[in-house]
Amino acid sequence: MRVLIIGCGYIGTPLALRLRSQGHEVWGLRRQGTDTSDLLRQGIHPLAAEVTDPTSLAAALGSLHFDWTVNALSSRGGGEEGYRRLYLQGTEAILTHFQAKPPRCYVHLSSTSVYGQTDGSWVNEDSPAEPSNGTSRILVEVEQTLLQASRSTGWPTVILRSAGIYGPDRGHLFQQFLKGEARLTDDGSRWLNMVHQDDLVATISAALERPAHGQILNVSDDAPATELEFFTWLAARLGRPLPPSIDPDTKQRKRGATNKRISNQRLKNTLLPRLTHPTFRDGYEAEIQRGIAGKGQ
């Protein structure tokens, strides 16, 4: 298959390498001015464009046709304006560019932040996606744009809502803990939902191979954990004290806006029956061992 990965970064690059190893021909698109020499060295065709600019996108892609396309764009901040420009305008530009000859499957990477629940309840793909956060509302708008295109034109969309991604050199709370900057929100009862880089990449690959057009899937591990559970395990594993608690309303904890448990049952029933890292313990143990090995210990 000829595959285009839009946003060849933390998720897109290992996905490109996985698909390349399976014999697919892969193009990786990054922002203009971004280094793409690593892609070229590893047999990935590099492309550079501003996805929000139809002219730039057309110049980079030309008349290339792709069997599969993955949108794994990642925001670098910019607030609501940046999200609207990158995700919504970018999606609209992609739809316009490929309207004459769409790919057989288009996988869009979204986020479980679209669920705004704050009561610790379980949520699945049928739960309301009504976030209070402005950037997350834009992600919902992007999803609706894609689903409308799927209904009206047959645009072959699969939407994957990813939980908090961690893996090599990634994991916000883990990195804060290592720096001694982590804080427990109140009593630590807020629920965390995570997915390892390996499992997200495997999910995208499976979604391309067995597409369910018009479907939304949550991509999260098997066992949501509370902040207290997460930090207690880390403290014991690394021989460090628990982080201190802070008031849940303080601005220091911006990530504490929601509190819910993500169900991945639909994912396991349709695409990925078993995860490589089914809990944060499995995934972070692998990262701890990787760090030890990297230090030669």
Protein backbone atom coordinates (compact mmCIF):
# COMPACT_ATOMS: atom_id res chain seq x y z
CA MET A 1 0.00 0.00 0.00
CA ARG A 2 0.98 3.63 -0.52
CA VAL A 3 0.64 5.39 2.82
CA LEU A 4 0.71 9.08 3.79
CA ILE A 5 1.32 10.00 7.42
CA ILE A 6 0.49 13.65 8.13
CA GLY A 7 2.40 14.65 11.23
CA CYS A 8 5.41 12.34 11.31
CA GLY A 9 6.37 12.94 14.93
CA TYR A 10 6.16 11.00 18.20
CA ILE A 11 3.44 8.66 16.90
CA GLY A 12 3.73 9.13 13.15
CA THR A 13 7.41 8.21 12.89
CA PRO A 14 7.27 4.81 14.65
CA LEU A 15 4.07 4.12 12.71
CA ALA A 16 5.89 4.89 9.46
CA LEU A 17 8.72 2.54 10.42
CA ARG A 18 6.27 -0.20 11.36
CA LEU A 19 4.43 0.09 8.05
CA ARG A 20 7.68 0.30 6.12
CA SER A 21 8.86 -2.94 7.76
CA GLN A 22 5.65 -4.59 6.58
CA GLY A 23 6.46 -3.74 2.97
CA HIS A 24 4.32 -0.63 2.51
CA GLU A 25 5.59 2.46 0.71
CA VAL A 26 5.36 5.35 3.17
CA TRP A 27 5.46 9.13 2.86
CA GLY A 28 5.87 11.25 5.99
CA LEU A 29 4.71 14.87 6.01
CA ARG A 30 6.10 17.39 8.48
CA ARG A 31 5.87 21.15 8.89
CA GLN A 32 7.96 23.29 6.57
CA GLY A 33 11.35 24.00 8.05
CA THR A 34 11.37 20.76 10.05
CA ASP A 35 14.27 18.33 9.68
CA THR A 36 13.25 15.24 7.68
CA SER A 37 16.69 13.68 7.21
CA ASP A 38 15.86 10.90 9.69
CA LEU A 39 12.91 9.83 7.55
CA LEU A 40 15.01 9.68 4.42
CA ARG A 41 17.67 7.58 6.16
CA GLN A 42 15.04 5.05 7.20
CA GLY A 43 13.39 4.65 3.83
CA ILE A 44 10.45 7.02 4.40
CA HIS A 45 9.69 9.51 1.62
CA PRO A 46 9.90 12.95 3.29
CA LEU A 47 7.42 15.74 2.52
CA ALA A 48 7.19 19.25 3.97
CA ALA A 49 4.11 21.49 3.99
CA GLU A 50 1.91 23.72 6.10
CA VAL A 51 -1.20 21.59 6.31
CA THR A 52 -3.35 24.67 7.03
CA ASP A 53 -2.31 26.22 3.70
CA PRO A 54 -4.02 24.54 0.72
CA THR A 55 -1.40 25.91 -1.66
CA SER A 56 1.46 24.54 0.42
CA LEU A 57 -0.30 21.19 0.79
CA ALA A 58 -0.95 20.95 -2.94
CA ALA A 59 2.67 21.82 -3.75
CA ALA A 60 3.97 19.08 -1.45
CA LEU A 61 1.53 16.35 -2.46
CA GLY A 62 1.07 17.21 -6.11
CA SER A 63 -0.77 14.41 -7.89
CA LEU A 64 0.33 11.70 -5.45
CA HIS A 65 -2.39 9.21 -4.57
CA PHE A 66 -2.44 7.19 -1.37
CA ASP A 67 -4.29 4.03 -0.38
CA TRP A 68 -4.11 4.90 3.32
CA THR A 69 -3.74 8.26 5.04
CA VAL A 70 -3.17 8.93 8.74
CA ASN A 71 -3.56 12.33 10.38
CA ALA A 72 -1.33 12.27 13.46
CA LEU A 73 -0.79 16.02 13.76
CA SER A 74 0.26 17.30 17.16
CA SER A 75 -0.27 20.82 18.45
CA ARG A 76 2.61 22.80 19.89
CA GLY A 77 0.39 25.14 21.87
CA GLY A 78 -1.27 28.25 20.52
CA GLY A 79 -4.47 27.83 22.52
CA GLU A 80 -7.84 27.75 20.83
CA GLU A 81 -6.65 29.76 17.84
CA GLY A 82 -3.78 27.35 17.24
CA TYR A 83 -6.05 24.32 17.60
CA ARG A 84 -8.62 25.74 15.21
CA ARG A 85 -5.98 26.54 12.63
CA LEU A 86 -4.07 23.25 12.84
CA TYR A 87 -6.84 20.73 13.41
CA LEU A 88 -9.98 22.23 11.89
CA GLN A 89 -8.53 24.25 9.02
CA GLY A 90 -5.97 21.53 8.42
CA THR A 91 -8.67 18.86 8.20
CA GLU A 92 -10.71 21.00 5.83
CA ALA A 93 -7.65 21.49 3.60
CA ILE A 94 -6.98 17.74 3.58
CA LEU A 95 -10.59 16.94 2.67
CA THR A 96 -10.50 19.48 -0.16
CA HIS A 97 -7.18 18.23 -1.54
CA PHE A 98 -8.28 14.60 -1.69
CA GLN A 99 -11.93 15.12 -2.61
CA ALA A 100 -11.45 13.93 -6.20
CA LYS A 101 -9.65 10.75 -5.17
CA PRO A 102 -9.84 9.99 -1.45
CA PRO A 103 -7.75 7.26 0.17
CA ARG A 104 -9.30 3.89 0.90
CA CYS A 105 -8.92 4.56 4.62
CA TYR A 106 -8.31 7.77 6.56
CA VAL A 107 -7.39 7.42 10.24
CA HIS A 108 -7.71 10.56 12.34
CA LEU A 109 -6.02 10.75 15.72
CA SER A 110 -8.24 12.59 18.22
CA SER A 111 -8.23 12.69 22.02
CA THR A 112 -10.23 11.42 25.00
CA SER A 113 -10.17 15.03 26.21
CA VAL A 114 -13.42 15.37 24.25
CA TYR A 115 -15.10 13.71 27.24
CA GLY A 116 -15.74 16.43 29.80
CA GLN A 117 -17.00 14.23 32.64
CA THR A 118 -15.76 15.20 36.10
CA ASP A 119 -17.48 12.65 38.36
CA GLY A 120 -15.07 9.72 37.90
CA SER A 121 -17.63 7.78 35.85
CA TRP A 122 -16.84 5.25 33.13
CA VAL A 123 -17.22 6.62 29.60
CA ASN A 124 -17.32 4.86 26.25
CA GLU A 125 -17.76 5.97 22.66
CA ASP A 126 -21.50 6.46 23.17
CA SER A 127 -21.01 8.81 26.13
CA PRO A 128 -21.59 12.54 25.58
CA ALA A 129 -18.58 14.39 24.20
CA GLU A 130 -19.30 17.79 25.74
CA PRO A 131 -16.01 19.22 27.03
CA SER A 132 -15.87 22.56 28.83
CA ASN A 133 -12.36 23.24 27.55
CA GLY A 134 -12.23 25.34 24.37
CA THR A 135 -9.46 23.36 22.66
CA SER A 136 -11.30 20.10 23.28
CA ARG A 137 -14.49 21.56 21.84
CA ILE A 138 -12.53 22.23 18.65
CA LEU A 139 -11.46 18.57 18.55
CA VAL A 140 -15.15 17.61 18.73
CA GLU A 141 -15.86 20.00 15.85
CA VAL A 142 -13.12 18.33 13.79
CA GLU A 143 -14.61 14.90 14.48
CA GLN A 144 -18.06 16.13 13.42
CA THR A 145 -16.59 17.58 10.21
CA LEU A 146 -15.06 14.20 9.35
CA LEU A 147 -18.18 12.23 10.22
CA GLN A 148 -20.30 14.58 8.11
CA ALA A 149 -17.91 14.07 5.20
CA SER A 150 -18.16 10.31 5.76
CA ARG A 151 -21.96 10.45 5.60
CA SER A 152 -22.26 12.85 2.68
CA THR A 153 -19.38 11.83 0.42
CA GLY A 154 -18.30 8.43 1.71
CA TRP A 155 -15.01 9.82 3.07
CA PRO A 156 -13.52 6.65 4.66
CA THR A 157 -12.91 7.87 8.21
CA VAL A 158 -11.87 6.04 11.38
CA ILE A 159 -11.51 8.28 14.45
CA LEU A 160 -9.24 7.15 17.27
CA ARG A 161 -9.61 9.00 20.58
CA SER A 162 -6.29 8.61 22.34
CA ALA A 163 -5.79 8.78 26.09
CA GLY A 164 -2.64 10.40 27.52
CA ILE A 165 0.32 9.11 25.51
CA TYR A 166 3.51 7.96 27.19
CA GLY A 167 6.61 6.05 26.22
CA PRO A 168 10.29 6.83 25.54
CA ASP A 169 10.97 10.39 26.76
CA ARG A 170 7.24 11.06 27.07
CA GLY A 171 4.81 11.09 29.98
CA HIS A 172 3.93 14.39 31.64
CA LEU A 173 3.31 13.20 35.19
CA PHE A 174 6.21 10.75 35.10
CA GLN A 175 8.61 13.46 33.99
CA GLN A 176 7.28 15.77 36.70
CA PHE A 177 7.82 13.04 39.28
CA LEU A 178 11.42 12.50 38.16
CA LYS A 179 12.06 16.25 38.46
CA GLY A 180 10.48 16.46 41.90
CA GLU A 181 7.77 18.76 40.56
CA ALA A 182 4.77 16.39 40.73
CA ARG A 183 1.80 17.23 42.94
CA LEU A 184 -1.22 15.22 44.04
CA THR A 185 -4.56 16.88 43.38
CA ASP A 186 -6.29 16.98 46.78
CA ASP A 187 -6.52 13.35 47.97
CA GLY A 188 -5.24 11.86 44.69
CA SER A 189 -8.57 10.32 43.73
CA ARG A 190 -8.66 11.84 40.23
CA TRP A 191 -8.62 9.17 37.52
CA LEU A 192 -5.84 9.01 34.93
CA ASN A 193 -6.17 7.36 31.51
CA MET A 194 -3.04 6.41 29.58
CA VAL A 195 -1.84 4.53 26.52
CA HIS A 196 1.70 3.54 25.58
CA GLN A 197 3.18 4.69 22.29
CA ASP A 198 3.55 1.04 21.19
CA ASP A 199 -0.15 0.29 21.65
CA LEU A 200 -1.34 3.45 19.92
CA VAL A 201 0.89 2.71 16.93
CA ALA A 202 -0.40 -0.88 16.84
CA THR A 203 -3.99 0.39 16.97
CA ILE A 204 -3.50 2.76 14.03
CA SER A 205 -1.89 -0.03 12.02
CA ALA A 206 -4.80 -2.35 12.79
CA ALA A 207 -7.33 0.36 11.89
CA LEU A 208 -5.71 0.71 8.47
CA GLU A 209 -5.74 -3.02 7.83
CA ARG A 210 -9.30 -3.60 9.08
CA PRO A 211 -11.06 -0.26 8.70
CA ALA A 212 -14.52 0.34 10.14
CA HIS A 213 -15.48 3.51 8.32
CA GLY A 214 -17.43 6.08 10.31
CA GLN A 215 -16.44 4.46 13.60
CA ILE A 216 -15.01 6.08 16.71
CA LEU A 217 -12.75 4.10 19.03
CA ASN A 218 -11.23 4.95 22.39
CA VAL A 219 -7.54 4.02 22.63
CA SER A 220 -6.58 3.61 26.28
CA ASP A 221 -5.09 0.86 28.39
CA ASP A 222 -7.12 -1.69 30.34
CA ALA A 223 -6.96 -0.12 33.78
CA PRO A 224 -7.44 3.57 34.55
CA ALA A 225 -5.57 4.52 37.72
CA THR A 226 -5.97 7.24 40.29
CA GLU A 227 -3.23 9.79 40.80
CA LEU A 228 -2.56 8.26 44.23
CA GLU A 229 -2.25 4.77 42.76
CA PHE A 230 0.09 6.01 40.03
CA PHE A 231 2.40 7.99 42.28
CA THR A 232 2.38 5.37 45.06
CA TRP A 233 3.66 2.78 42.60
CA LEU A 234 6.30 5.14 41.20
CA ALA A 235 7.45 6.15 44.69
CA ALA A 236 7.85 2.53 45.76
CA ARG A 237 9.48 1.47 42.50
CA LEU A 238 12.01 4.32 42.46
CA GLY A 239 12.52 4.70 46.20
CA ARG A 240 11.24 8.26 46.36
CA PRO A 241 8.67 10.02 48.54
CA LEU A 242 5.11 10.65 47.44
CA PRO A 243 4.49 14.09 45.95
CA PRO A 244 2.79 16.63 48.23
CA SER A 245 -0.87 17.50 47.76
CA ILE A 246 -2.24 20.75 46.38
CA ASP A 247 -5.70 22.26 46.29
CA PRO A 248 -7.59 20.92 43.23
CA ASP A 249 -8.56 24.47 42.20
CA THR A 250 -5.02 25.80 41.99
CA LYS A 251 -3.74 26.90 38.58
CA GLN A 252 -0.71 24.65 39.06
CA ARG A 253 -2.84 21.65 38.07
CA LYS A 254 -4.33 22.55 34.70
CA ARG A 255 -4.58 18.87 33.73
CA GLY A 256 -7.06 18.21 36.52
CA ALA A 257 -10.02 19.65 34.64
CA THR A 258 -11.66 16.27 34.01
CA ASN A 259 -12.09 13.09 36.02
CA LYS A 260 -13.33 10.01 34.19
CA ARG A 261 -12.44 6.42 33.35
CA ILE A 262 -12.08 5.52 29.69
CA SER A 263 -13.42 2.17 28.51
CA ASN A 264 -11.42 0.48 25.73
CA GLN A 265 -13.83 -2.43 25.31
CA ARG A 266 -14.81 -1.52 21.75
CA LEU A 267 -11.14 -1.34 20.76
CA LYS A 268 -10.47 -4.79 22.19
CA ASN A 269 -13.58 -6.25 20.57
CA THR A 270 -12.79 -4.92 17.11
CA LEU A 271 -9.08 -4.22 16.56
CA LEU A 272 -6.66 -5.01 19.37
CA PRO A 273 -7.71 -7.87 21.67
CA ARG A 274 -4.49 -7.63 23.71
CA LEU A 275 -2.31 -4.64 24.47
CA THR A 276 1.44 -4.87 24.84
CA HIS A 277 1.20 -2.62 27.92
CA PRO A 278 -2.26 -3.26 29.45
CA THR A 279 -1.57 -1.15 32.56
CA PHE A 280 0.65 1.79 33.39
CA ARG A 281 2.78 -0.54 35.52
CA ASP A 282 3.67 -2.65 32.49
CA GLY A 283 4.44 0.37 30.35
CA TYR A 284 6.41 2.38 32.88
CA GLU A 285 8.37 -0.65 34.05
CA ALA A 286 9.53 -0.98 30.44
CA GLU A 287 10.49 2.70 30.39
CA ILE A 288 12.34 2.43 33.72
CA GLN A 289 14.28 -0.57 32.44
CA ARG A 290 15.04 1.29 29.21
CA GLY A 291 16.40 4.18 31.24
CA ILE A 292 18.56 1.88 33.36
CA ALA A 293 19.90 0.17 30.25
CA GLY A 294 20.62 3.54 28.66
CA LYS A 295 22.75 4.51 31.64
CA GLY A 296 24.67 1.26 31.43
CA GLN A 297 23.52 0.08 34.85
